[in-house]
Amino acid sequence: MAWMSEHVPELPGSGIIYALTVRVTKNEILAALNQPEQFILAIALVPPAESSDALQLHYVQRPFTREPGFGEVSVNYDARA
């Protein structure tokens, strides 16, 4: 996890400026459920450019408890929760 906290800020972003929802694909959820010890969900809260606030990183171990439904291709989660 130390590597992640040092290098995540260097990674190119998706260009999303503000989002209250985190979308996770079915394949990502299944991979996390099949190998939970190898999967940590990292969520970066990026402040606006004009803000002096620091980047906030949150790491969630074992973030998923069930498989998505048969017809679901992704699941949306409220980032405020």
N, C-alpha and C. Protein backbone atom coordinates (compact mmCIF):
# COMPACT_ATOMS: atom_id res chain seq x y z
N MET A 1 0.81 -1.19 0.00
CA MET A 1 0.00 0.00 0.00
C MET A 1 0.86 1.26 0.00
N ALA A 2 2.06 1.17 0.53
CA ALA A 2 2.92 2.35 0.54
C ALA A 2 3.23 2.80 -0.88
N TRP A 3 3.47 1.83 -1.77
CA TRP A 3 3.75 2.18 -3.16
C TRP A 3 2.57 2.94 -3.74
N MET A 4 1.36 2.47 -3.46
CA MET A 4 0.18 3.11 -4.03
C MET A 4 0.05 4.55 -3.55
N SER A 5 0.26 4.79 -2.26
CA SER A 5 0.09 6.15 -1.75
C SER A 5 1.13 7.10 -2.32
N GLU A 6 2.29 6.57 -2.71
CA GLU A 6 3.33 7.40 -3.31
C GLU A 6 3.12 7.64 -4.79
N HIS A 7 2.56 6.66 -5.51
CA HIS A 7 2.51 6.73 -6.97
C HIS A 7 1.16 7.05 -7.57
N VAL A 8 0.06 6.86 -6.85
CA VAL A 8 -1.26 7.15 -7.42
C VAL A 8 -1.35 8.60 -7.88
N PRO A 9 -0.84 9.58 -7.12
CA PRO A 9 -0.94 10.96 -7.61
C PRO A 9 -0.21 11.20 -8.93
N GLU A 10 0.76 10.35 -9.27
CA GLU A 10 1.51 10.52 -10.52
C GLU A 10 0.79 9.94 -11.73
N LEU A 11 -0.19 9.06 -11.49
CA LEU A 11 -0.86 8.38 -12.58
C LEU A 11 -1.79 9.34 -13.32
N PRO A 12 -1.88 9.16 -14.65
CA PRO A 12 -2.77 10.04 -15.41
C PRO A 12 -4.22 9.78 -15.01
N GLY A 13 -4.98 10.85 -14.91
CA GLY A 13 -6.38 10.73 -14.53
C GLY A 13 -7.28 10.55 -15.73
N SER A 14 -8.54 10.34 -15.45
CA SER A 14 -9.50 10.14 -16.53
C SER A 14 -10.06 11.44 -17.04
N GLY A 15 -9.75 12.55 -16.39
CA GLY A 15 -10.29 13.83 -16.81
C GLY A 15 -11.57 14.19 -16.08
N ILE A 16 -12.07 13.31 -15.22
CA ILE A 16 -13.27 13.61 -14.45
C ILE A 16 -12.90 14.63 -13.39
N ILE A 17 -13.63 15.71 -13.34
CA ILE A 17 -13.33 16.76 -12.38
C ILE A 17 -14.12 16.55 -11.09
N TYR A 18 -15.35 16.10 -11.19
CA TYR A 18 -16.17 15.96 -10.01
C TYR A 18 -17.14 14.81 -10.21
N ALA A 19 -17.12 13.86 -9.32
CA ALA A 19 -18.04 12.74 -9.42
C ALA A 19 -18.39 12.26 -8.03
N LEU A 20 -19.65 11.98 -7.81
CA LEU A 20 -20.09 11.44 -6.53
C LEU A 20 -20.33 9.95 -6.61
N THR A 21 -20.11 9.38 -7.79
CA THR A 21 -20.36 7.97 -8.00
C THR A 21 -19.10 7.27 -8.47
N VAL A 22 -18.88 6.08 -7.94
CA VAL A 22 -17.77 5.24 -8.38
C VAL A 22 -18.39 4.06 -9.13
N ARG A 23 -17.98 3.85 -10.37
CA ARG A 23 -18.50 2.74 -11.16
C ARG A 23 -17.44 1.64 -11.22
N VAL A 24 -17.86 0.43 -10.90
CA VAL A 24 -16.96 -0.72 -10.91
C VAL A 24 -17.56 -1.76 -11.85
N THR A 25 -16.74 -2.29 -12.76
CA THR A 25 -17.26 -3.25 -13.73
C THR A 25 -17.47 -4.62 -13.08
N LYS A 26 -18.31 -5.40 -13.72
CA LYS A 26 -18.59 -6.75 -13.24
C LYS A 26 -17.30 -7.57 -13.18
N ASN A 27 -16.45 -7.45 -14.19
CA ASN A 27 -15.18 -8.20 -14.19
C ASN A 27 -14.30 -7.82 -13.02
N GLU A 28 -14.26 -6.54 -12.68
CA GLU A 28 -13.46 -6.09 -11.54
C GLU A 28 -14.01 -6.65 -10.23
N ILE A 29 -15.33 -6.66 -10.10
CA ILE A 29 -15.95 -7.20 -8.88
C ILE A 29 -15.69 -8.70 -8.76
N LEU A 30 -15.84 -9.42 -9.87
CA LEU A 30 -15.59 -10.87 -9.84
C LEU A 30 -14.14 -11.18 -9.51
N ALA A 31 -13.21 -10.40 -10.07
CA ALA A 31 -11.79 -10.60 -9.75
C ALA A 31 -11.53 -10.36 -8.27
N ALA A 32 -12.16 -9.33 -7.72
CA ALA A 32 -11.99 -9.02 -6.29
C ALA A 32 -12.58 -10.11 -5.41
N LEU A 33 -13.69 -10.69 -5.81
CA LEU A 33 -14.31 -11.76 -5.02
C LEU A 33 -13.52 -13.06 -5.13
N ASN A 34 -12.92 -13.31 -6.29
CA ASN A 34 -12.16 -14.55 -6.50
C ASN A 34 -10.79 -14.52 -5.84
N GLN A 35 -10.17 -13.37 -5.74
CA GLN A 35 -8.85 -13.23 -5.13
C GLN A 35 -8.83 -12.02 -4.21
N PRO A 36 -9.59 -12.07 -3.11
CA PRO A 36 -9.74 -10.89 -2.26
C PRO A 36 -8.44 -10.41 -1.63
N GLU A 37 -7.50 -11.31 -1.40
CA GLU A 37 -6.22 -10.91 -0.80
C GLU A 37 -5.35 -10.13 -1.77
N GLN A 38 -5.68 -10.15 -3.05
CA GLN A 38 -4.89 -9.44 -4.06
C GLN A 38 -5.60 -8.19 -4.59
N PHE A 39 -6.72 -7.83 -3.99
CA PHE A 39 -7.50 -6.72 -4.53
C PHE A 39 -7.77 -5.70 -3.43
N ILE A 40 -7.36 -4.47 -3.65
CA ILE A 40 -7.66 -3.36 -2.76
C ILE A 40 -8.23 -2.25 -3.63
N LEU A 41 -9.42 -1.79 -3.30
CA LEU A 41 -10.04 -0.71 -4.04
C LEU A 41 -9.44 0.60 -3.54
N ALA A 42 -8.85 1.37 -4.44
CA ALA A 42 -8.27 2.67 -4.10
C ALA A 42 -9.15 3.76 -4.68
N ILE A 43 -9.55 4.70 -3.85
CA ILE A 43 -10.37 5.82 -4.28
C ILE A 43 -9.60 7.09 -3.97
N ALA A 44 -9.37 7.91 -4.99
CA ALA A 44 -8.65 9.17 -4.82
C ALA A 44 -9.65 10.32 -4.89
N LEU A 45 -9.68 11.12 -3.85
CA LEU A 45 -10.51 12.32 -3.83
C LEU A 45 -9.60 13.49 -4.17
N VAL A 46 -9.80 14.04 -5.35
CA VAL A 46 -8.93 15.08 -5.87
C VAL A 46 -9.60 16.44 -5.66
N PRO A 47 -8.94 17.32 -4.93
CA PRO A 47 -9.52 18.65 -4.72
C PRO A 47 -9.45 19.49 -5.99
N PRO A 48 -10.26 20.53 -6.09
CA PRO A 48 -10.16 21.42 -7.25
C PRO A 48 -8.77 22.04 -7.35
N ALA A 49 -8.36 22.39 -8.55
CA ALA A 49 -7.01 22.92 -8.79
C ALA A 49 -6.73 24.17 -7.94
N GLU A 50 -7.74 24.99 -7.73
CA GLU A 50 -7.53 26.23 -6.99
C GLU A 50 -7.51 26.01 -5.47
N SER A 51 -7.76 24.79 -5.03
CA SER A 51 -7.81 24.49 -3.60
C SER A 51 -6.41 24.17 -3.07
N SER A 52 -6.19 24.46 -1.81
CA SER A 52 -4.92 24.09 -1.17
C SER A 52 -5.04 22.76 -0.44
N ASP A 53 -6.20 22.12 -0.53
CA ASP A 53 -6.39 20.82 0.12
C ASP A 53 -5.54 19.77 -0.56
N ALA A 54 -5.13 18.78 0.21
CA ALA A 54 -4.30 17.70 -0.31
C ALA A 54 -5.18 16.60 -0.91
N LEU A 55 -4.59 15.83 -1.80
CA LEU A 55 -5.23 14.65 -2.37
C LEU A 55 -5.53 13.68 -1.23
N GLN A 56 -6.72 13.12 -1.22
CA GLN A 56 -7.09 12.15 -0.18
C GLN A 56 -7.21 10.78 -0.82
N LEU A 57 -6.46 9.82 -0.30
CA LEU A 57 -6.52 8.45 -0.79
C LEU A 57 -7.21 7.58 0.24
N HIS A 58 -8.14 6.75 -0.22
CA HIS A 58 -8.85 5.82 0.65
C HIS A 58 -8.68 4.42 0.07
N TYR A 59 -8.30 3.48 0.90
CA TYR A 59 -8.10 2.11 0.49
C TYR A 59 -9.13 1.23 1.18
N VAL A 60 -9.81 0.40 0.40
CA VAL A 60 -10.87 -0.45 0.93
C VAL A 60 -10.51 -1.90 0.63
N GLN A 61 -10.25 -2.67 1.68
CA GLN A 61 -9.98 -4.10 1.51
C GLN A 61 -11.30 -4.84 1.53
N ARG A 62 -11.43 -5.83 0.65
CA ARG A 62 -12.66 -6.63 0.51
C ARG A 62 -13.89 -5.73 0.37
N PRO A 63 -13.90 -4.89 -0.67
CA PRO A 63 -15.00 -3.92 -0.81
C PRO A 63 -16.33 -4.50 -1.29
N PHE A 64 -16.32 -5.71 -1.81
CA PHE A 64 -17.54 -6.27 -2.40
C PHE A 64 -17.96 -7.52 -1.64
N THR A 65 -19.27 -7.68 -1.47
CA THR A 65 -19.79 -8.82 -0.72
C THR A 65 -20.64 -9.77 -1.57
N ARG A 66 -20.99 -9.34 -2.77
CA ARG A 66 -21.82 -10.21 -3.62
C ARG A 66 -21.49 -9.98 -5.08
N GLU A 67 -21.80 -10.99 -5.89
CA GLU A 67 -21.63 -10.87 -7.33
C GLU A 67 -22.74 -10.00 -7.90
N PRO A 68 -22.42 -9.25 -8.95
CA PRO A 68 -23.49 -8.50 -9.64
C PRO A 68 -24.50 -9.48 -10.25
N GLY A 69 -25.68 -8.99 -10.51
CA GLY A 69 -26.71 -9.82 -11.14
C GLY A 69 -26.31 -10.25 -12.55
N PHE A 70 -27.01 -11.23 -13.09
CA PHE A 70 -26.67 -11.80 -14.40
C PHE A 70 -26.61 -10.73 -15.49
N GLY A 71 -27.54 -9.82 -15.53
CA GLY A 71 -27.59 -8.81 -16.58
C GLY A 71 -26.80 -7.55 -16.30
N GLU A 72 -26.20 -7.43 -15.14
CA GLU A 72 -25.45 -6.23 -14.79
C GLU A 72 -24.04 -6.28 -15.37
N VAL A 73 -23.60 -5.18 -15.97
CA VAL A 73 -22.23 -5.12 -16.50
C VAL A 73 -21.34 -4.25 -15.61
N SER A 74 -21.97 -3.45 -14.74
CA SER A 74 -21.23 -2.64 -13.79
C SER A 74 -22.16 -2.29 -12.63
N VAL A 75 -21.56 -1.81 -11.55
CA VAL A 75 -22.32 -1.41 -10.38
C VAL A 75 -21.84 -0.02 -9.98
N ASN A 76 -22.77 0.87 -9.67
CA ASN A 76 -22.44 2.21 -9.22
C ASN A 76 -22.52 2.28 -7.70
N TYR A 77 -21.54 2.93 -7.09
CA TYR A 77 -21.51 3.11 -5.64
C TYR A 77 -21.45 4.59 -5.33
N ASP A 78 -22.12 5.00 -4.28
CA ASP A 78 -22.10 6.39 -3.84
C ASP A 78 -20.75 6.64 -3.16
N ALA A 79 -19.96 7.57 -3.66
CA ALA A 79 -18.63 7.85 -3.13
C ALA A 79 -18.70 8.54 -1.78
N ARG A 80 -19.85 9.08 -1.43
CA ARG A 80 -19.98 9.77 -0.14
C ARG A 80 -20.21 8.80 0.99
N ALA A 81 -20.57 7.57 0.69
CA ALA A 81 -20.89 6.58 1.74
C ALA A 81 -19.63 6.04 2.40
